[in-house]
Amino acid sequence: MMRIFIDADACPVTDIIVEEAGKVNLHVFLVRSYAHYSTYLYPEHVTTQYIDTGNDAVDYAIVRQIWPHDLVVTQDYGLAALCLAKKTIVLHHLGYQFKQDNIDSKLMDRHLHAKARKAGKRTKGPKKFTQEQKETFRKRLRSLLYSG
């Protein structure tokens, strides 16, 4: 049975995932660093795991636990690549699915942006997350949950 893992330190669609997973009796794992500690109480089908703060510590904790056909929600391209190698389904909070045929270009974009920042160039941050984007994510998540 599919399980859902969320790279939960800054995931803007956690509430949608928890709600939709509850409808189909899937377990959700919120994996976050202690720096993002919360006392929020989630439903019974949700487990919150706190990981020591450190570079990529949450990412590695997720990769250690996932199985083929689990669903991972992340906006981190590096984590997405590691999860794809383990045959999981990987979804970005904007609703697009990371796949083998698009991950290399995403990693290259990340590299080029990091290189530009290192050279002193300014890069724009993300735009405000909209209700329309949330609904796009919800539709994509539902299609994944109800198709398999």
Protein backbone atom coordinates (compact mmCIF):
# COMPACT_ATOMS: atom_id res chain seq x y z
CA MET A 1 0.00 0.00 0.00
CA MET A 2 1.23 3.47 -0.89
CA ARG A 3 2.50 5.73 1.88
CA ILE A 4 2.96 9.48 1.55
CA PHE A 5 6.09 11.27 2.73
CA ILE A 6 6.18 15.05 2.89
CA ASP A 7 9.36 17.11 2.96
CA ALA A 8 7.47 19.16 5.51
CA ASP A 9 9.76 21.99 6.56
CA ALA A 10 8.18 24.40 4.09
CA CYS A 11 5.42 22.51 2.34
CA PRO A 12 2.43 24.77 1.56
CA VAL A 13 0.08 21.87 0.75
CA THR A 14 0.40 19.73 3.87
CA ASP A 15 -3.23 20.33 4.83
CA ILE A 16 -4.43 19.20 1.39
CA ILE A 17 -2.32 16.04 1.53
CA VAL A 18 -3.53 15.15 5.02
CA GLU A 19 -7.15 15.70 4.01
CA GLU A 20 -7.00 13.74 0.75
CA ALA A 21 -4.95 10.87 2.23
CA GLY A 22 -7.49 10.51 5.02
CA LYS A 23 -10.25 9.96 2.46
CA VAL A 24 -8.44 6.93 1.03
CA ASN A 25 -6.92 5.60 4.28
CA LEU A 26 -3.28 6.28 3.40
CA HIS A 27 -0.65 6.99 6.03
CA VAL A 28 1.18 10.31 5.83
CA PHE A 29 4.65 10.94 7.24
CA LEU A 30 5.56 14.57 7.87
CA VAL A 31 9.34 14.66 8.00
CA ARG A 32 10.76 17.92 9.31
CA SER A 33 13.70 19.29 11.24
CA TYR A 34 13.51 20.26 14.89
CA ALA A 35 13.89 23.86 13.70
CA HIS A 36 10.30 23.55 12.43
CA TYR A 37 8.86 21.98 15.57
CA SER A 38 5.09 22.30 15.96
CA THR A 39 2.57 21.29 18.60
CA TYR A 40 -0.20 21.02 15.99
CA LEU A 41 -2.17 17.80 16.39
CA TYR A 42 -2.78 15.88 13.18
CA PRO A 43 -5.31 13.10 12.59
CA GLU A 44 -4.45 9.51 13.45
CA HIS A 45 -3.27 8.64 9.91
CA VAL A 46 -0.43 11.20 10.17
CA THR A 47 2.95 10.65 11.81
CA THR A 48 5.30 13.57 12.39
CA GLN A 49 8.98 12.74 12.43
CA TYR A 50 11.50 15.29 13.68
CA ILE A 51 15.03 15.05 12.38
CA ASP A 52 18.15 16.82 13.64
CA THR A 53 18.82 20.09 11.90
CA GLY A 54 21.59 19.73 9.34
CA ASN A 55 22.24 19.95 5.65
CA ASP A 56 19.92 17.52 3.89
CA ALA A 57 19.20 15.57 7.10
CA VAL A 58 15.45 15.53 6.38
CA ASP A 59 16.11 14.48 2.78
CA TYR A 60 18.25 11.53 3.83
CA ALA A 61 15.71 10.49 6.47
CA ILE A 62 13.03 10.35 3.77
CA VAL A 63 15.23 8.41 1.35
CA ARG A 64 16.05 5.81 4.04
CA GLN A 65 12.35 5.10 4.65
CA ILE A 66 10.71 5.10 1.22
CA TRP A 67 9.71 2.08 -0.79
CA PRO A 68 8.88 1.74 -4.48
CA HIS A 69 5.45 3.22 -5.25
CA ASP A 70 5.38 5.49 -2.18
CA LEU A 71 4.54 9.12 -2.88
CA VAL A 72 6.97 11.86 -1.89
CA VAL A 73 5.99 15.54 -1.97
CA THR A 74 8.93 17.92 -2.18
CA GLN A 75 10.13 21.01 -3.96
CA ASP A 76 13.77 19.91 -3.57
CA TYR A 77 15.18 18.72 -6.89
CA GLY A 78 18.03 16.79 -5.26
CA LEU A 79 15.63 14.87 -3.02
CA ALA A 80 13.36 14.27 -6.01
CA ALA A 81 16.26 12.69 -7.93
CA LEU A 82 17.14 10.40 -5.00
CA CYS A 83 13.51 9.33 -4.62
CA LEU A 84 13.09 8.63 -8.33
CA ALA A 85 16.10 6.30 -8.11
CA LYS A 86 14.13 4.32 -5.52
CA LYS A 87 11.11 4.05 -7.86
CA THR A 88 8.81 6.34 -5.91
CA ILE A 89 6.28 8.82 -7.25
CA VAL A 90 7.53 12.35 -6.65
CA LEU A 91 5.23 15.36 -6.76
CA HIS A 92 6.06 19.06 -6.49
CA HIS A 93 3.67 21.26 -4.49
CA LEU A 94 2.81 23.08 -7.73
CA GLY A 95 1.30 19.83 -8.98
CA TYR A 96 3.83 18.63 -11.52
CA GLN A 97 5.35 15.22 -11.24
CA PHE A 98 9.10 14.73 -11.26
CA LYS A 99 10.07 11.96 -13.67
CA GLN A 100 13.26 10.50 -15.07
CA ASP A 101 12.80 12.49 -18.27
CA ASN A 102 12.58 15.90 -16.52
CA ILE A 103 14.78 15.63 -13.43
CA ASP A 104 18.10 16.24 -15.21
CA SER A 105 16.94 19.61 -16.55
CA LYS A 106 15.63 20.56 -13.07
CA LEU A 107 18.99 19.68 -11.50
CA MET A 108 20.81 21.68 -14.18
CA ASP A 109 18.57 24.70 -13.49
CA ARG A 110 19.33 24.40 -9.79
CA HIS A 111 23.06 24.25 -10.52
CA LEU A 112 22.97 27.29 -12.80
CA HIS A 113 20.98 29.35 -10.28
CA ALA A 114 23.39 28.42 -7.48
CA LYS A 115 26.32 29.34 -9.70
CA ALA A 116 24.74 32.72 -10.49
CA ARG A 117 24.10 33.44 -6.81
CA LYS A 118 27.68 32.52 -5.97
CA ALA A 119 28.84 35.01 -8.61
CA GLY A 120 26.85 37.72 -6.84
CA LYS A 121 23.81 37.83 -9.08
CA ARG A 122 20.42 38.28 -7.52
CA THR A 123 17.73 35.74 -8.17
CA LYS A 124 14.05 36.19 -7.53
CA GLY A 125 12.37 34.26 -4.77
CA PRO A 126 9.21 32.26 -5.28
CA LYS A 127 5.96 34.09 -5.98
CA LYS A 128 3.14 34.00 -3.44
CA PHE A 129 1.42 30.60 -3.49
CA THR A 130 -2.12 31.07 -4.80
CA GLN A 131 -5.43 29.34 -4.14
CA GLU A 132 -5.48 28.34 -7.81
CA GLN A 133 -2.12 26.59 -7.40
CA LYS A 134 -3.44 24.78 -4.32
CA GLU A 135 -6.41 23.51 -6.31
CA THR A 136 -4.13 22.41 -9.16
CA PHE A 137 -2.10 20.43 -6.64
CA ARG A 138 -5.26 18.91 -5.12
CA LYS A 139 -6.48 17.74 -8.55
CA ARG A 140 -3.10 16.19 -9.39
CA LEU A 141 -2.89 14.48 -6.00
CA ARG A 142 -6.40 13.08 -6.35
CA SER A 143 -5.58 11.70 -9.79
CA LEU A 144 -2.56 9.90 -8.33
CA LEU A 145 -4.42 8.59 -5.30
CA TYR A 146 -7.43 7.33 -7.22
CA SER A 147 -5.55 5.91 -10.22
CA GLY A 148 -3.61 3.29 -8.34
